[in-house]
C-alpha atoms as a PDB file:
ATOM      1  CA  MET A   1       4.947  11.283  -3.255  1.00  0.00           C
ATOM      2  CA  GLY A   2       7.722  11.060  -5.856  1.00  0.00           C
ATOM      3  CA  GLU A   3      10.276  13.052  -3.878  1.00  0.00           C
ATOM      4  CA  SER A   4      12.585  12.128  -1.041  1.00  0.00           C
ATOM      5  CA  ASN A   5      14.597  14.288   1.305  1.00  0.00           C
ATOM      6  CA  ALA A   6      18.216  13.627   2.174  1.00  0.00           C
ATOM      7  CA  ASN A   7      20.259  15.343   4.867  1.00  0.00           C
ATOM      8  CA  THR A   8      23.673  16.520   3.774  1.00  0.00           C
ATOM      9  CA  PRO A   9      26.717  16.576   6.098  1.00  0.00           C
ATOM     10  CA  GLY A  10      26.347  20.334   6.586  1.00  0.00           C
ATOM     11  CA  GLY A  11      22.850  19.880   7.955  1.00  0.00           C
ATOM     12  CA  ASN A  12      21.175  21.200   4.805  1.00  0.00           C
ATOM     13  CA  GLN A  13      18.417  19.258   3.156  1.00  0.00           C
ATOM     14  CA  SER A  14      18.642  18.367  -0.507  1.00  0.00           C
ATOM     15  CA  ARG A  15      15.769  17.079  -2.580  1.00  0.00           C
ATOM     16  CA  ALA A  16      16.313  14.046  -4.749  1.00  0.00           C
ATOM     17  CA  THR A  17      13.455  13.459  -7.127  1.00  0.00           C
ATOM     18  CA  ARG A  18      12.688   9.972  -8.300  1.00  0.00           C
ATOM     19  CA  PRO A  19       9.541   8.786 -10.037  1.00  0.00           C
ATOM     20  CA  SER A  20       6.892   7.379  -7.747  1.00  0.00           C
ATOM     21  CA  ILE A  21       5.962   3.738  -8.100  1.00  0.00           C
ATOM     22  CA  THR A  22       2.613   4.852  -9.517  1.00  0.00           C
ATOM     23  CA  VAL A  23       4.388   6.783 -12.278  1.00  0.00           C
ATOM     24  CA  ARG A  24       6.621   3.790 -12.987  1.00  0.00           C
ATOM     25  CA  ILE A  25       3.537   1.565 -13.359  1.00  0.00           C
ATOM     26  CA  GLN A  26       1.889   4.117 -15.653  1.00  0.00           C
ATOM     27  CA  GLU A  27       4.996   4.413 -17.818  1.00  0.00           C
ATOM     28  CA  ALA A  28       5.465   0.636 -18.056  1.00  0.00           C
ATOM     29  CA  ILE A  29       1.868  -0.008 -19.130  1.00  0.00           C
ATOM     30  CA  ALA A  30       1.787   2.941 -21.549  1.00  0.00           C
ATOM     31  CA  ALA A  31       5.028   1.732 -23.163  1.00  0.00           C
ATOM     32  CA  ARG A  32       3.755  -1.845 -23.401  1.00  0.00           C
ATOM     33  CA  GLU A  33       0.352  -0.839 -24.772  1.00  0.00           C
ATOM     34  CA  GLN A  34       1.668   2.048 -26.863  1.00  0.00           C
ATOM     35  CA  SER A  35      -1.357   3.984 -25.677  1.00  0.00           C
ATOM     36  CA  GLU A  36      -2.326   6.680 -23.239  1.00  0.00           C
ATOM     37  CA  TRP A  37      -2.311   5.960 -19.526  1.00  0.00           C
ATOM     38  CA  SER A  38      -5.912   7.151 -19.208  1.00  0.00           C
ATOM     39  CA  ASP A  39      -7.049   3.903 -20.861  1.00  0.00           C
ATOM     40  CA  CYS A  40      -6.631   2.175 -17.464  1.00  0.00           C
ATOM     41  CA  PRO A  41      -8.890   2.569 -14.429  1.00  0.00           C
ATOM     42  CA  PRO A  42      -7.505   4.435 -11.407  1.00  0.00           C
ATOM     43  CA  LEU A  43      -4.747   2.460  -9.682  1.00  0.00           C
ATOM     44  CA  TYR A  44      -6.305   3.118  -6.276  1.00  0.00           C
ATOM     45  CA  ASP A  45      -9.257   0.922  -7.344  1.00  0.00           C
ATOM     46  CA  VAL A  46      -6.854  -2.035  -7.041  1.00  0.00           C
ATOM     47  CA  VAL A  47      -4.114  -1.069  -4.584  1.00  0.00           C
ATOM     48  CA  ASP A  48      -3.235   1.837  -2.285  1.00  0.00           C
ATOM     49  CA  PRO A  49      -0.497   3.800  -4.128  1.00  0.00           C
ATOM     50  CA  ASP A  50       0.675   5.482  -0.915  1.00  0.00           C
ATOM     51  CA  ALA A  51       1.083   2.086   0.743  1.00  0.00           C
ATOM     52  CA  LEU A  52       3.256   0.929  -2.175  1.00  0.00           C
ATOM     53  CA  GLU A  53       5.509   3.946  -1.685  1.00  0.00           C
ATOM     54  CA  ARG A  54       5.818   3.241   2.035  1.00  0.00           C
ATOM     55  CA  LEU A  55       6.554  -0.444   1.460  1.00  0.00           C
ATOM     56  CA  PHE A  56       9.598   0.342  -0.657  1.00  0.00           C
ATOM     57  CA  ALA A  57      10.847   3.456   1.127  1.00  0.00           C
ATOM     58  CA  PRO A  58      14.112   3.065   3.047  1.00  0.00           C
ATOM     59  CA  THR A  59      13.763   1.969   6.675  1.00  0.00           C
ATOM     60  CA  GLN A  60      14.188   4.485   9.507  1.00  0.00           C
ATOM     61  CA  ALA A  61      17.789   3.266   9.777  1.00  0.00           C
ATOM     62  CA  GLY A  62      18.254   4.181   6.101  1.00  0.00           C
ATOM     63  CA  THR A  63      18.631   0.628   4.822  1.00  0.00           C
ATOM     64  CA  GLU A  64      16.846  -0.596   1.729  1.00  0.00           C
ATOM     65  CA  ARG A  65      13.887  -2.930   2.008  1.00  0.00           C
ATOM     66  CA  HIS A  66      13.669  -6.276   0.212  1.00  0.00           C
ATOM     67  CA  GLY A  67      10.767  -8.139  -1.355  1.00  0.00           C
ATOM     68  CA  THR A  68       8.103  -7.811  -4.002  1.00  0.00           C
ATOM     69  CA  VAL A  69       4.407  -6.985  -4.272  1.00  0.00           C
ATOM     70  CA  THR A  70       2.271  -8.506  -7.023  1.00  0.00           C
ATOM     71  CA  PHE A  71      -1.281  -7.585  -8.041  1.00  0.00           C
ATOM     72  CA  GLN A  72      -3.490  -7.619 -11.131  1.00  0.00           C
ATOM     73  CA  TYR A  73      -4.149  -4.364 -12.906  1.00  0.00           C
ATOM     74  CA  CYS A  74      -5.194  -3.238 -16.367  1.00  0.00           C
ATOM     75  CA  GLY A  75      -4.793  -6.715 -17.911  1.00  0.00           C
ATOM     76  CA  TYR A  76      -1.384  -7.405 -16.334  1.00  0.00           C
ATOM     77  CA  GLN A  77       0.096  -9.124 -13.360  1.00  0.00           C
ATOM     78  CA  VAL A  78       2.149  -6.237 -11.981  1.00  0.00           C
ATOM     79  CA  THR A  79       5.157  -6.986  -9.781  1.00  0.00           C
ATOM     80  CA  ILE A  80       6.926  -4.197  -7.927  1.00  0.00           C
ATOM     81  CA  ASN A  81      10.445  -5.130  -6.860  1.00  0.00           C
ATOM     82  CA  SER A  82      12.341  -3.707  -3.902  1.00  0.00           C
ATOM     83  CA  ASN A  83      14.582  -1.738  -6.294  1.00  0.00           C
ATOM     84  CA  ARG A  84      11.374  -0.012  -7.506  1.00  0.00           C
ATOM     85  CA  THR A  85      11.368  -1.683 -10.912  1.00  0.00           C
ATOM     86  CA  VAL A  86       8.084  -2.800 -12.430  1.00  0.00           C
ATOM     87  CA  ASP A  87       7.564  -6.151 -14.162  1.00  0.00           C
ATOM     88  CA  LEU A  88       4.459  -6.719 -16.280  1.00  0.00           C
ATOM     89  CA  ASN A  89       3.111 -10.110 -17.338  1.00  0.00           C
ATOM     90  CA  PRO A  90      -0.041 -10.173 -19.490  1.00  0.00           C
ATOM     91  CA  ILE A  91      -2.973 -11.974 -17.932  1.00  0.00           C
ATOM     92  CA  ASP A  92      -4.267 -14.628 -20.295  1.00  0.00           C
ATOM     93  CA  ALA A  93      -8.027 -14.073 -20.707  1.00  0.00           C
ATOM     94  CA  SER A  94      -8.573 -17.844 -20.891  1.00  0.00           C
ATOM     95  CA  ASP A  95      -7.076 -18.293 -17.384  1.00  0.00           C
ATOM     96  CA  GLY A  96      -9.869 -16.540 -15.565  1.00  0.00           C
END
């Protein structure tokens, strides 16, 4: 899930590894909370991680996609941007 294939001019395939969106979410929350990732419930309880990867994968023509996806998870409003960055905004307990 965190790897992508790229064809080189010679017809060989090279593997470029980049962190999956799930890993980026885990790292962002762990850094913010200064705690272990296991403190959060499974991400798939809230959103389909594979669908997130597909949403922000390049198109068949190789162009980048644009947009954001926002959902609530582990006490945060999580926004995934088209450049695969993760923004976290704490959810105020008094709002809900």
